[in-house]
Amino acid sequence: MRTFALFAVVFAFAAYQVNGEACNCHLRELDLCAATLLLFNQNPSGVATTDAEVDKQCGFLKESQECFRNFTTRCSTPLQRELIGFVSEGSQELFKQFCTKGTEVRTNYLKHAPCLGQTLPDQKKCLTDIQAGLEKVSTVSFNDRVPAACCMYNRYQGCTRKAVANKCGEEAIEFGEILVKMAASDLPNVVCTSYGEGNARCNS
């Protein structure tokens, strides 16, 4: 989906803030990494529906991953790099499957892609909500940054899942989230488990 790049920036922002300041790294570098991903918007439907469009997206995604990897190498501690490597292992395998023609992952994604494209108008309110959330994350204290990002992430996931399920069925949900997982890895799911709708911090 067109907003998945934002999550990569948000969670990288939260994860690297302390060490980034220590080694004079600048978070605007992450904005440049994400800018490559935003080229997905060049596709009028917002969703790749052909092999050629998927190949184009994979090219942008690979460039952005290299950009994030370079930033991580320069601006994170060995422990942070180990953690990032652990949580991104699954997303790297998913990327390989998604970007290889004829794989089951890619075939199933393309099967659901036309319907996923039709859900984008229904997801406008989800996008409006996350844009407001991103503004809030950038202004809260460091200790509140991860909880704020997690509340936003889980709220967005719930909103988009509902939109996809209503129009395309439950089976399509995992393919609607495939690009989010490749960009942000499993980090949001690992970090944000306890920040669901019932969490008081998410309702404040």
N, C-alpha and C. Protein backbone atom coordinates (compact mmCIF):
# COMPACT_ATOMS: atom_id res chain seq x y z
N MET A 1 0.83 -1.20 0.00
CA MET A 1 0.00 0.00 0.00
C MET A 1 0.88 1.26 0.00
N ARG A 2 0.30 2.37 -0.41
CA ARG A 2 1.09 3.56 -0.62
C ARG A 2 1.62 4.16 0.68
N THR A 3 1.08 3.81 1.85
CA THR A 3 1.52 4.42 3.10
C THR A 3 2.55 3.60 3.85
N PHE A 4 2.95 2.44 3.33
CA PHE A 4 3.81 1.57 4.12
C PHE A 4 5.18 2.18 4.37
N ALA A 5 5.64 3.07 3.49
CA ALA A 5 6.94 3.70 3.69
C ALA A 5 6.96 4.54 4.96
N LEU A 6 5.82 5.10 5.31
CA LEU A 6 5.76 5.94 6.50
C LEU A 6 6.08 5.16 7.76
N PHE A 7 5.65 3.90 7.81
CA PHE A 7 5.91 3.09 9.00
C PHE A 7 7.39 2.83 9.17
N ALA A 8 8.08 2.60 8.08
CA ALA A 8 9.52 2.36 8.16
C ALA A 8 10.22 3.56 8.77
N VAL A 9 9.79 4.76 8.37
CA VAL A 9 10.39 5.98 8.91
C VAL A 9 10.06 6.13 10.39
N VAL A 10 8.80 5.92 10.75
CA VAL A 10 8.38 6.10 12.14
C VAL A 10 9.15 5.20 13.09
N PHE A 11 9.24 3.91 12.77
CA PHE A 11 9.90 2.99 13.68
C PHE A 11 11.41 3.13 13.65
N ALA A 12 11.96 3.50 12.51
CA ALA A 12 13.38 3.80 12.48
C ALA A 12 13.67 5.05 13.30
N PHE A 13 12.78 6.03 13.20
CA PHE A 13 12.90 7.27 13.97
C PHE A 13 12.95 6.96 15.46
N ALA A 14 12.05 6.09 15.91
CA ALA A 14 12.00 5.74 17.32
C ALA A 14 13.22 4.93 17.74
N ALA A 15 13.65 4.02 16.89
CA ALA A 15 14.73 3.11 17.25
C ALA A 15 16.09 3.80 17.25
N TYR A 16 16.29 4.76 16.35
CA TYR A 16 17.62 5.32 16.17
C TYR A 16 17.84 6.67 16.83
N GLN A 17 16.84 7.20 17.50
CA GLN A 17 16.96 8.57 17.97
C GLN A 17 18.20 8.79 18.84
N VAL A 18 18.40 7.95 19.85
CA VAL A 18 19.50 8.16 20.79
C VAL A 18 20.84 8.00 20.10
N ASN A 19 21.03 6.88 19.43
CA ASN A 19 22.32 6.63 18.80
C ASN A 19 22.56 7.57 17.63
N GLY A 20 21.48 7.96 16.95
CA GLY A 20 21.63 8.89 15.84
C GLY A 20 22.21 10.22 16.31
N GLU A 21 21.78 10.70 17.46
CA GLU A 21 22.32 11.93 18.00
C GLU A 21 23.77 11.75 18.39
N ALA A 22 24.10 10.57 18.92
CA ALA A 22 25.45 10.32 19.42
C ALA A 22 26.47 10.33 18.29
N CYS A 23 26.11 9.81 17.12
CA CYS A 23 27.09 9.70 16.03
C CYS A 23 26.83 10.74 14.94
N ASN A 24 26.04 11.77 15.27
CA ASN A 24 25.78 12.86 14.34
C ASN A 24 25.08 12.38 13.06
N CYS A 25 24.23 11.39 13.20
CA CYS A 25 23.39 10.97 12.08
C CYS A 25 22.12 11.81 12.10
N HIS A 26 21.56 12.00 10.93
CA HIS A 26 20.38 12.87 10.83
C HIS A 26 19.20 12.08 10.30
N LEU A 27 18.06 12.26 10.95
CA LEU A 27 16.87 11.51 10.57
C LEU A 27 16.34 11.92 9.20
N ARG A 28 16.75 13.07 8.72
CA ARG A 28 16.31 13.46 7.37
C ARG A 28 16.85 12.49 6.32
N GLU A 29 17.92 11.76 6.67
CA GLU A 29 18.42 10.74 5.76
C GLU A 29 17.38 9.65 5.55
N LEU A 30 16.62 9.34 6.61
CA LEU A 30 15.56 8.34 6.50
C LEU A 30 14.44 8.85 5.61
N ASP A 31 14.19 10.15 5.65
CA ASP A 31 13.18 10.72 4.76
C ASP A 31 13.57 10.51 3.30
N LEU A 32 14.86 10.63 3.02
CA LEU A 32 15.34 10.42 1.65
C LEU A 32 15.18 8.95 1.24
N CYS A 33 15.42 8.05 2.21
CA CYS A 33 15.21 6.62 1.92
C CYS A 33 13.75 6.37 1.57
N ALA A 34 12.86 6.96 2.36
CA ALA A 34 11.43 6.74 2.15
C ALA A 34 10.93 7.39 0.87
N ALA A 35 11.62 8.45 0.42
CA ALA A 35 11.18 9.13 -0.79
C ALA A 35 11.18 8.20 -1.99
N THR A 36 12.12 7.26 -2.01
CA THR A 36 12.15 6.28 -3.10
C THR A 36 10.89 5.43 -3.09
N LEU A 37 10.46 5.04 -1.89
CA LEU A 37 9.26 4.21 -1.79
C LEU A 37 8.02 4.95 -2.23
N LEU A 38 8.00 6.25 -2.02
CA LEU A 38 6.82 7.02 -2.38
C LEU A 38 6.62 7.11 -3.89
N LEU A 39 7.60 6.68 -4.66
CA LEU A 39 7.43 6.62 -6.11
C LEU A 39 6.38 5.60 -6.51
N PHE A 40 5.98 4.73 -5.55
CA PHE A 40 4.88 3.80 -5.82
C PHE A 40 3.63 4.55 -6.25
N ASN A 41 3.51 5.79 -5.82
CA ASN A 41 2.33 6.57 -6.13
C ASN A 41 2.21 6.89 -7.62
N GLN A 42 3.29 6.63 -8.36
CA GLN A 42 3.21 6.85 -9.80
C GLN A 42 2.21 5.92 -10.46
N ASN A 43 1.92 4.80 -9.83
CA ASN A 43 0.92 3.87 -10.37
C ASN A 43 -0.46 4.44 -10.10
N PRO A 44 -1.26 4.75 -11.12
CA PRO A 44 -2.56 5.41 -10.91
C PRO A 44 -3.47 4.69 -9.94
N SER A 45 -3.46 3.35 -9.94
CA SER A 45 -4.35 2.61 -9.06
C SER A 45 -3.82 2.52 -7.65
N GLY A 46 -2.51 2.81 -7.46
CA GLY A 46 -1.91 2.69 -6.15
C GLY A 46 -1.50 1.28 -5.80
N VAL A 47 -1.89 0.30 -6.61
CA VAL A 47 -1.58 -1.10 -6.36
C VAL A 47 -1.08 -1.72 -7.66
N ALA A 48 0.05 -2.42 -7.59
CA ALA A 48 0.58 -3.10 -8.77
C ALA A 48 -0.32 -4.27 -9.13
N THR A 49 -0.75 -4.35 -10.38
CA THR A 49 -1.65 -5.42 -10.80
C THR A 49 -1.07 -6.29 -11.90
N THR A 50 0.15 -5.99 -12.35
CA THR A 50 0.79 -6.80 -13.39
C THR A 50 2.22 -7.13 -12.96
N ASP A 51 2.82 -8.12 -13.62
CA ASP A 51 4.21 -8.47 -13.32
C ASP A 51 5.14 -7.29 -13.55
N ALA A 52 4.89 -6.53 -14.61
CA ALA A 52 5.75 -5.39 -14.92
C ALA A 52 5.69 -4.34 -13.82
N GLU A 53 4.48 -4.08 -13.29
CA GLU A 53 4.33 -3.10 -12.22
C GLU A 53 4.97 -3.59 -10.93
N VAL A 54 4.86 -4.89 -10.65
CA VAL A 54 5.50 -5.46 -9.46
C VAL A 54 7.01 -5.34 -9.58
N ASP A 55 7.55 -5.64 -10.76
CA ASP A 55 9.00 -5.52 -10.96
C ASP A 55 9.47 -4.09 -10.70
N LYS A 56 8.67 -3.13 -11.14
CA LYS A 56 9.03 -1.72 -10.92
C LYS A 56 9.02 -1.40 -9.44
N GLN A 57 8.01 -1.87 -8.72
CA GLN A 57 7.95 -1.64 -7.28
C GLN A 57 9.13 -2.29 -6.58
N CYS A 58 9.49 -3.48 -7.00
CA CYS A 58 10.61 -4.19 -6.38
C CYS A 58 11.92 -3.42 -6.56
N GLY A 59 12.06 -2.76 -7.71
CA GLY A 59 13.25 -1.94 -7.93
C GLY A 59 13.33 -0.79 -6.95
N PHE A 60 12.20 -0.10 -6.75
CA PHE A 60 12.16 1.00 -5.78
C PHE A 60 12.42 0.48 -4.36
N LEU A 61 11.81 -0.65 -4.04
CA LEU A 61 11.94 -1.21 -2.70
C LEU A 61 13.39 -1.62 -2.42
N LYS A 62 14.05 -2.20 -3.40
CA LYS A 62 15.45 -2.61 -3.22
C LYS A 62 16.34 -1.40 -2.96
N GLU A 63 16.12 -0.32 -3.71
CA GLU A 63 16.90 0.90 -3.51
C GLU A 63 16.70 1.44 -2.10
N SER A 64 15.45 1.44 -1.65
CA SER A 64 15.16 1.97 -0.33
C SER A 64 15.76 1.09 0.77
N GLN A 65 15.70 -0.23 0.60
CA GLN A 65 16.29 -1.13 1.57
C GLN A 65 17.79 -0.90 1.70
N GLU A 66 18.46 -0.67 0.57
CA GLU A 66 19.89 -0.39 0.60
C GLU A 66 20.17 0.91 1.35
N CYS A 67 19.30 1.89 1.15
CA CYS A 67 19.44 3.17 1.83
C CYS A 67 19.29 3.00 3.34
N PHE A 68 18.25 2.27 3.77
CA PHE A 68 18.06 2.01 5.20
C PHE A 68 19.22 1.19 5.77
N ARG A 69 19.71 0.23 4.99
CA ARG A 69 20.81 -0.62 5.46
C ARG A 69 22.08 0.21 5.69
N ASN A 70 22.35 1.13 4.78
CA ASN A 70 23.52 2.00 4.94
C ASN A 70 23.39 2.87 6.18
N PHE A 71 22.18 3.38 6.40
CA PHE A 71 21.95 4.21 7.58
C PHE A 71 22.15 3.39 8.85
N THR A 72 21.62 2.17 8.85
CA THR A 72 21.74 1.29 10.01
C THR A 72 23.20 0.97 10.31
N THR A 73 23.97 0.70 9.28
CA THR A 73 25.39 0.36 9.46
C THR A 73 26.15 1.51 10.11
N ARG A 74 25.82 2.73 9.71
CA ARG A 74 26.55 3.89 10.22
C ARG A 74 26.03 4.39 11.55
N CYS A 75 24.74 4.21 11.80
CA CYS A 75 24.11 4.96 12.88
C CYS A 75 23.50 4.12 14.00
N SER A 76 23.70 2.83 13.99
CA SER A 76 23.16 2.00 15.07
C SER A 76 24.28 1.23 15.75
N THR A 77 24.01 0.80 16.96
CA THR A 77 24.98 0.02 17.72
C THR A 77 24.96 -1.42 17.23
N PRO A 78 25.99 -2.21 17.55
CA PRO A 78 25.98 -3.63 17.18
C PRO A 78 24.75 -4.36 17.69
N LEU A 79 24.30 -4.03 18.90
CA LEU A 79 23.12 -4.69 19.45
C LEU A 79 21.88 -4.32 18.66
N GLN A 80 21.76 -3.05 18.30
CA GLN A 80 20.62 -2.63 17.49
C GLN A 80 20.62 -3.33 16.13
N ARG A 81 21.80 -3.44 15.53
CA ARG A 81 21.90 -4.10 14.23
C ARG A 81 21.51 -5.57 14.33
N GLU A 82 21.90 -6.20 15.43
CA GLU A 82 21.54 -7.61 15.62
C GLU A 82 20.03 -7.77 15.75
N LEU A 83 19.40 -6.87 16.51
CA LEU A 83 17.95 -6.92 16.68
C LEU A 83 17.24 -6.67 15.35
N ILE A 84 17.71 -5.68 14.62
CA ILE A 84 17.09 -5.36 13.33
C ILE A 84 17.23 -6.52 12.37
N GLY A 85 18.41 -7.16 12.37
CA GLY A 85 18.61 -8.32 11.51
C GLY A 85 17.68 -9.45 11.86
N PHE A 86 17.44 -9.63 13.16
CA PHE A 86 16.55 -10.71 13.62
C PHE A 86 15.12 -10.47 13.15
N VAL A 87 14.61 -9.26 13.34
CA VAL A 87 13.21 -9.00 13.02
C VAL A 87 12.98 -8.82 11.52
N SER A 88 14.05 -8.56 10.77
CA SER A 88 13.87 -8.34 9.33
C SER A 88 14.11 -9.59 8.50
N GLU A 89 14.51 -10.68 9.15
CA GLU A 89 14.82 -11.90 8.40
C GLU A 89 13.61 -12.38 7.60
N GLY A 90 12.44 -12.40 8.23
CA GLY A 90 11.23 -12.85 7.54
C GLY A 90 10.84 -11.94 6.40
N SER A 91 11.02 -10.64 6.58
CA SER A 91 10.65 -9.71 5.52
C SER A 91 11.58 -9.83 4.32
N GLN A 92 12.84 -10.18 4.57
CA GLN A 92 13.78 -10.36 3.46
C GLN A 92 13.39 -11.57 2.60
N GLU A 93 12.96 -12.63 3.26
CA GLU A 93 12.51 -13.81 2.52
C GLU A 93 11.23 -13.48 1.75
N LEU A 94 10.35 -12.71 2.37
CA LEU A 94 9.11 -12.30 1.70
C LEU A 94 9.43 -11.45 0.48
N PHE A 95 10.39 -10.55 0.63
CA PHE A 95 10.82 -9.70 -0.49
C PHE A 95 11.32 -10.57 -1.65
N LYS A 96 12.12 -11.57 -1.33
CA LYS A 96 12.65 -12.46 -2.36
C LYS A 96 11.53 -13.18 -3.09
N GLN A 97 10.54 -13.67 -2.34
CA GLN A 97 9.42 -14.39 -2.94
C GLN A 97 8.55 -13.45 -3.77
N PHE A 98 8.27 -12.27 -3.23
CA PHE A 98 7.40 -11.31 -3.91
C PHE A 98 8.02 -10.82 -5.21
N CYS A 99 9.32 -10.69 -5.23
CA CYS A 99 10.00 -10.10 -6.38
C CYS A 99 10.53 -11.14 -7.36
N THR A 100 10.11 -12.39 -7.21
CA THR A 100 10.48 -13.45 -8.14
C THR A 100 9.23 -13.91 -8.89
N LYS A 101 9.26 -13.81 -10.20
CA LYS A 101 8.11 -14.20 -11.00
C LYS A 101 7.78 -15.68 -10.82
N GLY A 102 6.48 -15.96 -10.74
CA GLY A 102 6.01 -17.33 -10.68
C GLY A 102 5.91 -17.94 -9.30
N THR A 103 6.36 -17.22 -8.25
CA THR A 103 6.26 -17.77 -6.90
C THR A 103 4.81 -17.74 -6.42
N GLU A 104 4.52 -18.54 -5.43
CA GLU A 104 3.15 -18.60 -4.90
C GLU A 104 2.74 -17.26 -4.30
N VAL A 105 3.67 -16.62 -3.58
CA VAL A 105 3.37 -15.33 -2.96
C VAL A 105 2.99 -14.30 -4.02
N ARG A 106 3.77 -14.22 -5.07
CA ARG A 106 3.51 -13.22 -6.11
C ARG A 106 2.24 -13.54 -6.89
N THR A 107 2.04 -14.81 -7.20
CA THR A 107 0.84 -15.21 -7.93
C THR A 107 -0.42 -14.88 -7.15
N ASN A 108 -0.42 -15.18 -5.86
CA ASN A 108 -1.59 -14.90 -5.02
C ASN A 108 -1.80 -13.40 -4.84
N TYR A 109 -0.70 -12.66 -4.71
CA TYR A 109 -0.82 -11.21 -4.59
C TYR A 109 -1.49 -10.62 -5.83
N LEU A 110 -1.02 -11.03 -7.01
CA LEU A 110 -1.58 -10.50 -8.26
C LEU A 110 -3.04 -10.90 -8.43
N LYS A 111 -3.41 -12.04 -7.88
CA LYS A 111 -4.81 -12.47 -7.95
C LYS A 111 -5.71 -11.51 -7.17
N HIS A 112 -5.22 -11.05 -6.03
CA HIS A 112 -6.03 -10.17 -5.18
C HIS A 112 -5.83 -8.68 -5.49
N ALA A 113 -4.78 -8.35 -6.24
CA ALA A 113 -4.41 -6.95 -6.44
C ALA A 113 -5.53 -6.07 -7.02
N PRO A 114 -6.27 -6.52 -8.05
CA PRO A 114 -7.34 -5.65 -8.58
C PRO A 114 -8.36 -5.25 -7.52
N CYS A 115 -8.74 -6.20 -6.68
CA CYS A 115 -9.71 -5.87 -5.63
C CYS A 115 -9.07 -4.97 -4.58
N LEU A 116 -7.81 -5.22 -4.25
CA LEU A 116 -7.12 -4.37 -3.27
C LEU A 116 -7.09 -2.93 -3.75
N GLY A 117 -6.91 -2.74 -5.06
CA GLY A 117 -6.92 -1.40 -5.61
C GLY A 117 -8.26 -0.71 -5.43
N GLN A 118 -9.34 -1.48 -5.48
CA GLN A 118 -10.68 -0.92 -5.31
C GLN A 118 -10.96 -0.48 -3.88
N THR A 119 -10.17 -0.96 -2.92
CA THR A 119 -10.41 -0.60 -1.52
C THR A 119 -9.77 0.73 -1.14
N LEU A 120 -8.91 1.27 -1.99
CA LEU A 120 -8.19 2.48 -1.63
C LEU A 120 -9.09 3.66 -1.28
N PRO A 121 -10.20 3.89 -2.01
CA PRO A 121 -11.09 4.98 -1.59
C PRO A 121 -11.63 4.79 -0.17
N ASP A 122 -11.88 3.53 0.20
CA ASP A 122 -12.39 3.25 1.55
C ASP A 122 -11.31 3.46 2.61
N GLN A 123 -10.05 3.49 2.18
CA GLN A 123 -8.96 3.62 3.13
C GLN A 123 -8.51 5.07 3.32
N LYS A 124 -9.23 6.00 2.70
CA LYS A 124 -8.83 7.40 2.82
C LYS A 124 -8.85 7.88 4.27
N LYS A 125 -9.87 7.44 5.02
CA LYS A 125 -9.93 7.86 6.42
C LYS A 125 -8.78 7.25 7.22
N CYS A 126 -8.35 6.05 6.82
CA CYS A 126 -7.20 5.43 7.49
C CYS A 126 -5.95 6.27 7.25
N LEU A 127 -5.79 6.75 6.04
CA LEU A 127 -4.64 7.57 5.68
C LEU A 127 -4.66 8.90 6.41
N THR A 128 -5.84 9.51 6.51
CA THR A 128 -5.96 10.78 7.23
C THR A 128 -5.56 10.60 8.69
N ASP A 129 -5.98 9.48 9.27
CA ASP A 129 -5.67 9.19 10.67
C ASP A 129 -4.17 9.02 10.88
N ILE A 130 -3.52 8.30 9.97
CA ILE A 130 -2.09 8.05 10.15
C ILE A 130 -1.27 9.32 9.92
N GLN A 131 -1.73 10.20 9.04
CA GLN A 131 -1.03 11.46 8.82
C GLN A 131 -1.06 12.31 10.09
N ALA A 132 -2.21 12.31 10.76
CA ALA A 132 -2.32 13.03 12.03
C ALA A 132 -1.43 12.37 13.08
N GLY A 133 -1.39 11.04 13.05
CA GLY A 133 -0.55 10.31 14.01
C GLY A 133 0.92 10.58 13.82
N LEU A 134 1.37 10.69 12.58
CA LEU A 134 2.77 10.97 12.30
C LEU A 134 3.17 12.34 12.85
N GLU A 135 2.26 13.30 12.73
CA GLU A 135 2.54 14.62 13.27
C GLU A 135 2.68 14.56 14.79
N LYS A 136 1.85 13.75 15.44
CA LYS A 136 1.91 13.62 16.88
C LYS A 136 3.20 12.94 17.32
N VAL A 137 3.59 11.87 16.62
CA VAL A 137 4.81 11.13 16.98
C VAL A 137 6.02 12.04 16.95
N SER A 138 6.06 12.96 16.02
CA SER A 138 7.22 13.84 15.88
C SER A 138 7.31 14.88 16.99
N THR A 139 6.23 15.05 17.77
CA THR A 139 6.23 16.09 18.80
C THR A 139 6.28 15.56 20.22
N VAL A 140 6.02 14.26 20.43
CA VAL A 140 6.00 13.73 21.79
C VAL A 140 7.41 13.50 22.30
N SER A 141 7.55 13.30 23.61
CA SER A 141 8.85 13.03 24.21
C SER A 141 9.38 11.68 23.74
N PHE A 142 10.69 11.48 23.90
CA PHE A 142 11.29 10.23 23.42
C PHE A 142 10.65 9.01 24.07
N ASN A 143 10.37 9.08 25.38
CA ASN A 143 9.80 7.93 26.09
C ASN A 143 8.41 7.57 25.58
N ASP A 144 7.72 8.55 25.00
CA ASP A 144 6.36 8.30 24.51
C ASP A 144 6.32 8.02 23.01
N ARG A 145 7.47 8.07 22.36
CA ARG A 145 7.49 7.97 20.91
C ARG A 145 7.09 6.59 20.40
N VAL A 146 7.66 5.54 21.00
CA VAL A 146 7.32 4.18 20.57
C VAL A 146 5.86 3.85 20.86
N PRO A 147 5.35 4.13 22.09
CA PRO A 147 3.91 3.88 22.32
C PRO A 147 3.02 4.63 21.34
N ALA A 148 3.34 5.89 21.04
CA ALA A 148 2.52 6.66 20.11
C ALA A 148 2.56 6.05 18.71
N ALA A 149 3.75 5.62 18.27
CA ALA A 149 3.87 5.01 16.95
C ALA A 149 3.13 3.68 16.90
N CYS A 150 3.19 2.92 18.00
CA CYS A 150 2.52 1.62 18.04
C CYS A 150 1.00 1.77 18.02
N CYS A 151 0.50 2.72 18.77
CA CYS A 151 -0.95 2.95 18.78
C CYS A 151 -1.42 3.33 17.38
N MET A 152 -0.65 4.18 16.73
CA MET A 152 -0.99 4.61 15.37
C MET A 152 -0.94 3.43 14.41
N TYR A 153 0.10 2.62 14.53
CA TYR A 153 0.28 1.47 13.63
C TYR A 153 -0.87 0.48 13.78
N ASN A 154 -1.20 0.13 15.01
CA ASN A 154 -2.27 -0.86 15.22
C ASN A 154 -3.63 -0.32 14.81
N ARG A 155 -3.85 0.97 15.04
CA ARG A 155 -5.12 1.58 14.62
C ARG A 155 -5.23 1.57 13.09
N TYR A 156 -4.14 1.88 12.43
CA TYR A 156 -4.12 1.87 10.97
C TYR A 156 -4.34 0.46 10.43
N GLN A 157 -3.68 -0.52 11.03
CA GLN A 157 -3.84 -1.90 10.60
C GLN A 157 -5.30 -2.35 10.73
N GLY A 158 -5.92 -2.01 11.85
CA GLY A 158 -7.32 -2.38 12.05
C GLY A 158 -8.24 -1.73 11.03
N CYS A 159 -7.97 -0.48 10.73
CA CYS A 159 -8.79 0.27 9.77
C CYS A 159 -8.67 -0.32 8.37
N THR A 160 -7.44 -0.59 7.93
CA THR A 160 -7.25 -1.11 6.57
C THR A 160 -7.72 -2.56 6.44
N ARG A 161 -7.52 -3.34 7.49
CA ARG A 161 -7.99 -4.73 7.44
C ARG A 161 -9.50 -4.79 7.27
N LYS A 162 -10.19 -3.90 7.95
CA LYS A 162 -11.64 -3.87 7.84
C LYS A 162 -12.06 -3.49 6.42
N ALA A 163 -11.38 -2.50 5.84
CA ALA A 163 -11.71 -2.07 4.49
C ALA A 163 -11.47 -3.18 3.47
N VAL A 164 -10.36 -3.89 3.62
CA VAL A 164 -10.03 -4.98 2.69
C VAL A 164 -10.98 -6.15 2.88
N ALA A 165 -11.24 -6.53 4.13
CA ALA A 165 -12.11 -7.68 4.40
C ALA A 165 -13.52 -7.45 3.88
N ASN A 166 -14.03 -6.23 4.02
CA ASN A 166 -15.40 -5.93 3.59
C ASN A 166 -15.57 -6.07 2.08
N LYS A 167 -14.54 -5.73 1.33
CA LYS A 167 -14.67 -5.74 -0.13
C LYS A 167 -14.04 -6.96 -0.79
N CYS A 168 -12.95 -7.47 -0.21
CA CYS A 168 -12.19 -8.53 -0.88
C CYS A 168 -12.14 -9.85 -0.12
N GLY A 169 -12.64 -9.87 1.12
CA GLY A 169 -12.61 -11.10 1.90
C GLY A 169 -11.38 -11.21 2.78
N GLU A 170 -11.46 -12.10 3.77
CA GLU A 170 -10.39 -12.26 4.74
C GLU A 170 -9.08 -12.71 4.10
N GLU A 171 -9.17 -13.55 3.08
CA GLU A 171 -7.96 -14.10 2.46
C GLU A 171 -7.07 -13.01 1.86
N ALA A 172 -7.69 -11.92 1.44
CA ALA A 172 -6.92 -10.86 0.78
C ALA A 172 -6.13 -10.00 1.75
N ILE A 173 -6.45 -10.08 3.05
CA ILE A 173 -5.82 -9.19 4.02
C ILE A 173 -4.31 -9.34 4.04
N GLU A 174 -3.82 -10.59 4.09
CA GLU A 174 -2.37 -10.79 4.19
C GLU A 174 -1.64 -10.25 2.97
N PHE A 175 -2.29 -10.27 1.81
CA PHE A 175 -1.64 -9.75 0.61
C PHE A 175 -1.74 -8.23 0.54
N GLY A 176 -2.74 -7.67 1.20
CA GLY A 176 -2.82 -6.22 1.29
C GLY A 176 -1.75 -5.65 2.20
N GLU A 177 -1.22 -6.47 3.11
CA GLU A 177 -0.21 -6.02 4.07
C GLU A 177 1.21 -6.42 3.65
N ILE A 178 1.35 -7.03 2.51
CA ILE A 178 2.63 -7.61 2.13
C ILE A 178 3.72 -6.54 1.97
N LEU A 179 3.37 -5.38 1.42
CA LEU A 179 4.35 -4.33 1.22
C LEU A 179 4.73 -3.67 2.54
N VAL A 180 3.77 -3.57 3.46
CA VAL A 180 4.07 -3.02 4.78
C VAL A 180 5.10 -3.89 5.47
N LYS A 181 4.92 -5.18 5.41
CA LYS A 181 5.84 -6.09 6.08
C LYS A 181 7.22 -6.04 5.46
N MET A 182 7.31 -5.92 4.15
CA MET A 182 8.62 -5.86 3.51
C MET A 182 9.35 -4.57 3.86
N ALA A 183 8.62 -3.47 4.04
CA ALA A 183 9.25 -2.20 4.34
C ALA A 183 9.61 -2.07 5.81
N ALA A 184 8.67 -2.40 6.68
CA ALA A 184 8.88 -2.19 8.12
C ALA A 184 9.30 -3.45 8.84
N SER A 185 9.41 -4.58 8.15
CA SER A 185 9.78 -5.88 8.72
C SER A 185 8.76 -6.29 9.77
N ASP A 186 9.18 -7.16 10.68
CA ASP A 186 8.30 -7.60 11.76
C ASP A 186 8.43 -6.71 12.99
N LEU A 187 9.24 -5.66 12.90
CA LEU A 187 9.49 -4.83 14.06
C LEU A 187 8.23 -4.27 14.69
N PRO A 188 7.30 -3.68 13.92
CA PRO A 188 6.08 -3.18 14.55
C PRO A 188 5.29 -4.26 15.27
N ASN A 189 5.21 -5.46 14.67
CA ASN A 189 4.45 -6.53 15.30
C ASN A 189 5.12 -7.03 16.57
N VAL A 190 6.46 -7.01 16.60
CA VAL A 190 7.20 -7.45 17.79
C VAL A 190 7.06 -6.42 18.91
N VAL A 191 7.23 -5.16 18.56
CA VAL A 191 7.26 -4.09 19.55
C VAL A 191 5.87 -3.70 20.03
N CYS A 192 4.87 -3.81 19.16
CA CYS A 192 3.57 -3.19 19.41
C CYS A 192 2.48 -4.15 19.88
N THR A 193 2.85 -5.34 20.31
CA THR A 193 1.86 -6.34 20.69
C THR A 193 0.87 -5.84 21.73
N SER A 194 1.35 -5.09 22.71
CA SER A 194 0.49 -4.70 23.83
C SER A 194 -0.23 -3.37 23.62
N TYR A 195 -0.10 -2.79 22.43
CA TYR A 195 -0.70 -1.47 22.20
C TYR A 195 -1.93 -1.55 21.31
N GLY A 196 -2.88 -2.41 21.67
CA GLY A 196 -4.12 -2.53 20.93
C GLY A 196 -5.15 -1.53 21.38
N GLU A 197 -6.39 -1.72 20.92
CA GLU A 197 -7.46 -0.77 21.24
C GLU A 197 -7.73 -0.70 22.74
N GLY A 198 -7.46 -1.79 23.47
CA GLY A 198 -7.74 -1.79 24.90
C GLY A 198 -6.69 -1.10 25.74
N ASN A 199 -5.58 -0.71 25.14
CA ASN A 199 -4.52 -0.06 25.89
C ASN A 199 -4.90 1.39 26.20
N ALA A 200 -4.80 1.76 27.47
CA ALA A 200 -5.22 3.10 27.88
C ALA A 200 -4.43 4.20 27.18
N ARG A 201 -3.16 3.93 26.89
CA ARG A 201 -2.32 4.96 26.26
C ARG A 201 -2.78 5.23 24.83
N CYS A 202 -3.44 4.25 24.22
CA CYS A 202 -3.92 4.43 22.85
C CYS A 202 -5.27 5.14 22.82
N ASN A 203 -5.90 5.25 23.95
CA ASN A 203 -7.21 5.91 24.02
C ASN A 203 -7.13 7.30 24.62
N SER A 204 -5.89 7.70 24.94
CA SER A 204 -5.72 9.01 25.57
C SER A 204 -5.60 10.10 24.51
